[in-house]
Protein backbone atom coordinates (compact mmCIF):
# COMPACT_ATOMS: atom_id res chain seq x y z
CA MET A 1 -64.09 65.69 53.57
CA PRO A 2 -64.58 69.26 54.61
CA GLY A 3 -67.99 70.83 54.61
CA VAL A 4 -69.76 73.86 56.15
CA PHE A 5 -73.35 74.09 57.22
CA LEU A 6 -74.82 77.61 56.93
CA GLU A 7 -77.44 78.92 59.22
CA ASP A 8 -79.77 81.63 58.41
CA SER A 9 -77.80 84.33 60.03
CA ASP A 10 -74.33 83.19 58.50
CA ASN A 11 -72.63 85.47 56.03
CA PHE A 12 -71.42 83.78 52.81
CA ASP A 13 -67.86 85.19 53.23
CA ILE A 14 -67.56 83.91 56.78
CA ALA A 15 -68.69 80.47 55.50
CA LEU A 16 -66.26 80.64 52.65
CA ARG A 17 -63.40 81.47 55.14
CA ARG A 18 -64.55 78.50 57.25
CA PHE A 19 -64.48 76.14 54.28
CA LYS A 20 -61.03 77.30 53.11
CA LYS A 21 -59.64 76.84 56.57
CA GLN A 22 -61.06 73.26 56.78
CA VAL A 23 -59.69 72.35 53.28
CA GLU A 24 -56.29 73.57 54.30
CA LYS A 25 -56.48 71.77 57.51
CA ALA A 26 -57.40 68.50 55.81
CA GLY A 27 -54.70 68.83 53.32
CA VAL A 28 -56.85 68.51 50.23
CA LEU A 29 -54.84 70.96 48.04
CA SER A 30 -51.54 69.49 48.73
CA GLU A 31 -52.89 65.97 48.17
CA LEU A 32 -54.31 67.21 44.93
CA LYS A 33 -50.92 68.67 43.87
CA LYS A 34 -49.14 65.44 44.82
CA ARG A 35 -51.47 63.26 42.73
CA GLN A 36 -51.65 65.55 39.79
CA HIS A 37 -49.01 63.65 37.83
CA PHE A 38 -47.64 60.16 38.30
CA GLU A 39 -44.20 59.76 40.15
CA LYS A 40 -42.30 56.68 39.91
CA PRO A 41 -41.68 55.05 43.32
CA SER A 42 -37.93 55.55 42.95
CA VAL A 43 -38.44 59.38 42.58
CA MET A 44 -40.71 59.30 45.58
CA ARG A 45 -37.99 57.58 47.66
CA LYS A 46 -35.45 60.12 46.39
CA LYS A 47 -37.71 63.10 47.42
CA LYS A 48 -38.36 61.44 50.84
CA LYS A 49 -34.72 61.00 51.35
CA ALA A 50 -33.79 64.49 50.33
CA ALA A 51 -36.49 65.88 52.67
CA ALA A 52 -35.22 63.91 55.68
CA ARG A 53 -31.67 65.03 54.91
CA LYS A 54 -32.92 68.70 54.73
CA ARG A 55 -34.74 68.27 58.16
CA LEU A 56 -31.63 66.81 59.72
CA LEU A 57 -29.41 69.64 58.51
CA LYS A 58 -31.92 72.24 59.79
CA LYS A 59 -31.93 70.52 63.15
CA MET A 60 -28.11 70.52 63.30
CA ARG A 61 -27.77 74.13 62.39
CA LYS A 62 -30.38 74.94 65.09
CA ILE A 63 -28.30 72.95 67.67
CA ASN A 64 -25.06 74.60 66.62
CA MET A 65 -26.45 78.06 67.07
CA MET A 66 -27.38 77.41 70.69
């Protein structure tokens, strides 16, 4: 879980920026969006398969351009 410890000389804006960076790195917001609504396992599998296909097509295009 992200957390920032402030020292006496730390500015609030700097601490907020550090906290936001840690939250982004930990993936808290993306996890929250993912868990906001229930998704059936079949829908999850379908999305995962579509993402894999998209990655493969992107990789193929990159190879063909070279």
